[in-house]
Amino acid sequence: MIRYSNEEGFIKPKGIKRLNNEGYVSNLPETAVGVFSSHLYEDVISKFPCEAIGILSTANMERKVYKLKYKDKEITFFMAGVSGPWIASDIEELHASGVNKFIIFGNCGVLYSKIEDCSIIIPTKGFKEDGTSYHYVDCGDTIDMNLKYKDEFIDVLKKYNFNYTEGYTWTTDAIYRETKEKIEYYRKNGAVCVEMEGAVIAAVCKKLGADYFTFYYAGDNLDAAVWEERSLNGLTKLDKKKEVMTLALELSKKISR
């Protein structure tokens, strides 16, 4: 049972920690780009002017947060935590440090084999088969997604000649419990993909009053007699995934002041 409460949390985020662990950062660029792939994260750091400005810290690891210059814009850049609880904490802490626009993207599984590997998926509604989102919004089992910036992103997709699919996403906490029964259920109800963070990103940003856009590049295929890994491995089709990274950076340029 998950009990929703409209009260403020007893524990409040202070922001991301400074590099020396003395205090917290309060002046991050307003627009942040978060990527789940460590390979894409490291590639961007190596290619663009950036300055490590703080850390997202957990019990077993630290991830540096960068102030990154992309063309004429300065943005916050971070490696996003995988799973609902982790990405929720990231958003909370970055928001407390000054971020109010989030672009977060990563890989997903597809529920239709016709969706081209590494093509783009724009989720329009999320099925909340997770736990975290229920603590942030009291809106039943689904949540509307990407109510802002979709048109701007589609313009970017057209510019870079990327195919894309729009549809519902299935956000789950349990990747090894994606059963055939569930796959069929969510397909019948409009889902085109499955992942672990989409509905959570939407719920947390709604609670905080922050703007966001989240999207996916298609990976493994669940529309087959047996599971097909396709490009799920981070290094598979890495050059194509680097092009997807450009889409996120271009969107950040469009929406940054």
Protein backbone atom coordinates (compact mmCIF):
# COMPACT_ATOMS: atom_id res chain seq x y z
CA MET A 1 0.00 0.00 0.00
CA ILE A 2 1.23 3.50 -0.86
CA ARG A 3 -0.31 6.31 1.15
CA TYR A 4 -0.28 9.67 -0.64
CA SER A 5 0.24 12.80 1.45
CA ASN A 6 -0.07 16.38 0.24
CA GLU A 7 2.13 17.72 3.04
CA GLU A 8 5.69 18.91 2.46
CA GLY A 9 8.33 16.27 3.01
CA PHE A 10 9.87 16.15 6.47
CA ILE A 11 13.33 15.84 4.88
CA LYS A 12 14.01 18.62 2.37
CA PRO A 13 16.63 18.66 -0.40
CA LYS A 14 19.48 21.14 0.07
CA GLY A 15 20.85 20.89 -3.45
CA ILE A 16 23.84 19.16 -4.95
CA LYS A 17 27.02 19.11 -2.88
CA ARG A 18 30.02 21.26 -3.74
CA LEU A 19 33.07 19.41 -5.04
CA ASN A 20 34.86 19.82 -1.72
CA ASN A 21 31.79 18.53 0.15
CA GLU A 22 31.56 21.85 2.01
CA GLY A 23 28.09 23.21 1.48
CA TYR A 24 25.72 23.10 -1.46
CA VAL A 25 25.51 24.64 -4.93
CA SER A 26 22.75 27.22 -5.36
CA ASN A 27 23.31 28.76 -8.78
CA LEU A 28 23.17 26.05 -11.45
CA PRO A 29 22.06 27.01 -14.98
CA GLU A 30 18.27 26.83 -15.18
CA THR A 31 18.15 24.18 -17.95
CA ALA A 32 19.60 20.72 -17.28
CA VAL A 33 20.25 17.80 -19.61
CA GLY A 34 20.42 14.37 -17.98
CA VAL A 35 21.48 11.18 -19.75
CA PHE A 36 21.31 7.66 -18.33
CA SER A 37 24.14 6.30 -20.49
CA SER A 38 27.59 6.60 -18.94
CA HIS A 39 29.11 6.31 -22.43
CA LEU A 40 27.21 9.35 -23.71
CA TYR A 41 27.91 11.25 -20.49
CA GLU A 42 31.66 10.71 -20.84
CA ASP A 43 31.58 11.51 -24.56
CA VAL A 44 29.94 14.89 -23.97
CA ILE A 45 32.40 15.80 -21.21
CA SER A 46 35.28 15.05 -23.58
CA LYS A 47 33.88 17.11 -26.46
CA PHE A 48 32.44 20.31 -25.01
CA PRO A 49 33.76 23.07 -22.74
CA CYS A 50 32.54 22.19 -19.28
CA GLU A 51 33.33 22.78 -15.63
CA ALA A 52 32.62 20.34 -12.80
CA ILE A 53 30.61 22.34 -10.31
CA GLY A 54 29.18 19.82 -7.83
CA ILE A 55 28.24 16.23 -7.15
CA LEU A 56 25.13 14.11 -6.88
CA SER A 57 26.06 11.90 -3.96
CA THR A 58 24.69 8.56 -2.79
CA ALA A 59 25.90 5.94 -0.32
CA ASN A 60 27.89 4.00 -2.93
CA MET A 61 28.90 6.49 -5.63
CA GLU A 62 29.25 10.12 -6.65
CA ARG A 63 28.43 11.66 -10.04
CA LYS A 64 29.86 15.00 -11.06
CA VAL A 65 27.49 17.69 -12.27
CA TYR A 66 28.85 20.02 -14.95
CA LYS A 67 28.22 23.52 -16.18
CA LEU A 68 28.45 22.95 -19.93
CA LYS A 69 28.70 25.41 -22.81
CA TYR A 70 26.73 24.30 -25.86
CA LYS A 71 26.96 26.80 -28.70
CA ASP A 72 25.82 30.08 -27.10
CA LYS A 73 24.04 28.54 -24.10
CA GLU A 74 25.20 27.42 -20.67
CA ILE A 75 23.42 24.36 -19.31
CA THR A 76 23.62 21.95 -16.40
CA PHE A 77 24.73 18.47 -17.46
CA PHE A 78 24.47 15.30 -15.36
CA MET A 79 24.37 11.52 -15.53
CA ALA A 80 20.84 10.55 -14.51
CA GLY A 81 20.22 7.90 -11.87
CA VAL A 82 18.56 4.72 -13.14
CA SER A 83 15.20 3.81 -11.48
CA GLY A 84 12.36 5.85 -10.07
CA PRO A 85 13.73 6.62 -6.58
CA TRP A 86 17.13 7.60 -7.95
CA ILE A 87 15.93 9.95 -10.67
CA ALA A 88 13.42 11.50 -8.25
CA SER A 89 16.24 12.36 -5.85
CA ASP A 90 18.34 13.77 -8.70
CA ILE A 91 15.53 16.07 -9.81
CA GLU A 92 14.80 17.20 -6.25
CA GLU A 93 18.45 18.07 -5.54
CA LEU A 94 19.12 19.75 -8.88
CA HIS A 95 15.91 21.76 -8.54
CA ALA A 96 17.02 22.92 -5.10
CA SER A 97 20.27 24.09 -6.75
CA GLY A 98 18.50 26.24 -9.33
CA VAL A 99 17.41 23.95 -12.19
CA ASN A 100 13.83 24.48 -13.35
CA LYS A 101 13.86 22.87 -16.82
CA PHE A 102 14.84 19.23 -17.25
CA ILE A 103 15.59 17.29 -20.42
CA ILE A 104 16.16 13.63 -19.52
CA PHE A 105 16.54 10.78 -21.98
CA GLY A 106 17.69 7.21 -22.33
CA ASN A 107 17.04 3.76 -23.70
CA CYS A 108 13.73 1.88 -23.58
CA GLY A 109 12.26 -1.46 -24.60
CA VAL A 110 9.77 -1.45 -27.46
CA LEU A 111 6.44 -3.29 -27.48
CA TYR A 112 6.19 -3.25 -31.29
CA SER A 113 8.93 -4.75 -33.44
CA LYS A 114 8.15 -2.26 -36.22
CA ILE A 115 9.67 0.53 -34.10
CA GLU A 116 13.11 0.99 -35.60
CA ASP A 117 16.13 0.31 -33.41
CA CYS A 118 17.56 3.60 -32.01
CA SER A 119 14.64 5.61 -33.38
CA ILE A 120 13.03 8.15 -31.07
CA ILE A 121 9.97 7.63 -28.87
CA ILE A 122 8.04 10.55 -27.39
CA PRO A 123 5.85 9.42 -24.47
CA THR A 124 2.53 11.21 -24.17
CA LYS A 125 1.15 9.36 -21.13
CA GLY A 126 2.74 7.07 -18.56
CA PHE A 127 1.33 3.95 -16.95
CA LYS A 128 2.51 4.12 -13.33
CA GLU A 129 3.61 0.58 -12.51
CA ASP A 130 6.24 1.98 -10.16
CA GLY A 131 6.14 3.10 -6.55
CA THR A 132 7.81 6.50 -6.50
CA SER A 133 5.38 8.46 -8.70
CA TYR A 134 2.50 7.74 -6.30
CA HIS A 135 4.25 9.75 -3.58
CA TYR A 136 4.33 12.86 -5.78
CA VAL A 137 0.92 13.01 -7.47
CA ASP A 138 -2.48 11.66 -6.57
CA CYS A 139 -3.74 11.06 -10.10
CA GLY A 140 -4.54 7.39 -10.41
CA ASP A 141 -2.63 4.86 -12.47
CA THR A 142 -1.60 7.11 -15.37
CA ILE A 143 -0.04 10.52 -15.80
CA ASP A 144 0.03 12.85 -18.80
CA MET A 145 3.54 13.49 -20.08
CA ASN A 146 5.45 16.07 -22.11
CA LEU A 147 2.87 18.82 -22.09
CA LYS A 148 5.61 21.34 -22.98
CA TYR A 149 8.38 21.40 -25.58
CA LYS A 150 7.05 18.60 -27.81
CA ASP A 151 6.70 20.87 -30.84
CA GLU A 152 10.19 22.26 -30.31
CA PHE A 153 11.60 18.75 -30.07
CA ILE A 154 9.83 17.58 -33.21
CA ASP A 155 11.40 20.51 -35.04
CA VAL A 156 14.81 19.23 -33.88
CA LEU A 157 13.95 15.70 -35.04
CA LYS A 158 13.00 16.97 -38.48
CA LYS A 159 16.20 19.00 -38.72
CA TYR A 160 18.30 15.90 -37.98
CA ASN A 161 16.13 13.49 -40.00
CA PHE A 162 15.16 11.23 -37.10
CA ASN A 163 12.15 8.93 -37.23
CA TYR A 164 9.94 9.04 -34.18
CA THR A 165 6.93 7.39 -32.57
CA GLU A 166 4.44 8.94 -30.15
CA GLY A 167 2.51 6.86 -27.63
CA TYR A 168 2.08 5.78 -24.04
CA THR A 169 4.93 4.41 -21.97
CA TRP A 170 4.87 1.72 -19.29
CA THR A 171 7.04 2.70 -16.31
CA THR A 172 7.98 -0.30 -14.18
CA ASP A 173 10.23 -1.02 -11.22
CA ALA A 174 10.85 -4.66 -12.12
CA ILE A 175 12.58 -5.36 -15.44
CA TYR A 176 12.57 -9.12 -14.86
CA ARG A 177 8.80 -9.09 -14.29
CA GLU A 178 7.92 -7.79 -17.74
CA THR A 179 5.75 -10.82 -18.50
CA LYS A 180 3.93 -11.67 -21.73
CA GLU A 181 0.62 -11.06 -19.95
CA LYS A 182 1.68 -7.54 -18.96
CA ILE A 183 3.17 -6.79 -22.36
CA GLU A 184 -0.14 -7.66 -24.01
CA TYR A 185 -2.14 -5.66 -21.44
CA TYR A 186 -0.15 -2.46 -21.89
CA ARG A 187 -0.07 -2.83 -25.67
CA LYS A 188 -3.87 -3.09 -25.75
CA ASN A 189 -4.07 0.08 -23.67
CA GLY A 190 -1.83 2.16 -25.91
CA ALA A 191 1.71 1.62 -24.66
CA VAL A 192 4.49 1.45 -27.23
CA CYS A 193 7.46 1.10 -24.89
CA VAL A 194 8.62 0.19 -21.38
CA GLU A 195 11.21 1.84 -19.12
CA MET A 196 11.84 2.67 -15.46
CA GLU A 197 11.70 6.45 -14.97
CA GLY A 198 9.23 8.18 -17.31
CA ALA A 199 6.15 8.48 -15.09
CA VAL A 200 8.39 9.39 -12.15
CA ILE A 201 10.03 12.27 -14.03
CA ALA A 202 6.57 13.57 -14.93
CA ALA A 203 5.25 13.21 -11.38
CA VAL A 204 8.22 14.80 -9.61
CA CYS A 205 8.35 17.74 -11.99
CA LYS A 206 4.61 18.27 -11.64
CA LYS A 207 4.94 18.32 -7.85
CA LEU A 208 7.85 20.77 -7.97
CA GLY A 209 6.33 22.99 -10.65
CA ALA A 210 9.33 22.38 -12.89
CA ASP A 211 9.24 22.10 -16.68
CA TYR A 212 10.58 18.99 -18.37
CA PHE A 213 10.80 16.93 -21.52
CA THR A 214 11.71 13.26 -21.57
CA PHE A 215 12.20 10.94 -24.51
CA TYR A 216 13.76 7.60 -25.43
CA TYR A 217 15.79 5.93 -28.11
CA ALA A 218 14.46 2.46 -28.93
CA GLY A 219 16.42 -0.51 -27.64
CA ASP A 220 15.42 -4.10 -26.88
CA ASN A 221 12.37 -5.66 -28.50
CA LEU A 222 9.64 -7.35 -26.44
CA ASP A 223 7.43 -8.01 -29.48
CA ALA A 224 8.91 -11.40 -30.34
CA ALA A 225 8.71 -15.07 -29.39
CA VAL A 226 11.91 -14.58 -27.36
CA TRP A 227 13.50 -11.36 -26.08
CA GLU A 228 15.64 -9.50 -28.61
CA GLU A 229 18.45 -7.40 -27.13
CA ARG A 230 19.06 -5.29 -30.25
CA SER A 231 21.01 -2.15 -29.22
CA LEU A 232 20.38 -2.37 -25.48
CA ASN A 233 24.10 -2.77 -24.76
CA GLY A 234 25.52 0.70 -24.23
CA LEU A 235 28.31 0.31 -26.79
CA THR A 236 26.11 -1.12 -29.55
CA LYS A 237 25.38 1.52 -32.24
CA LEU A 238 27.17 4.08 -30.08
CA ASP A 239 27.68 6.48 -32.99
CA LYS A 240 23.92 6.56 -33.57
CA LYS A 241 23.32 7.15 -29.87
CA LYS A 242 25.75 10.07 -29.98
CA GLU A 243 23.48 11.61 -32.58
CA VAL A 244 20.59 11.22 -30.12
CA MET A 245 22.66 13.12 -27.56
CA THR A 246 22.82 15.99 -30.03
CA LEU A 247 19.00 16.07 -30.14
CA ALA A 248 18.86 16.70 -26.38
CA LEU A 249 21.51 19.41 -26.54
CA GLU A 250 19.73 21.11 -29.43
CA LEU A 251 16.47 21.10 -27.48
CA SER A 252 18.25 22.59 -24.47
CA LYS A 253 19.47 25.43 -26.70
CA LYS A 254 15.93 26.10 -27.91
CA ILE A 255 14.37 26.33 -24.45
CA SER A 256 17.18 28.10 -22.58
CA ARG A 257 17.08 31.84 -22.06
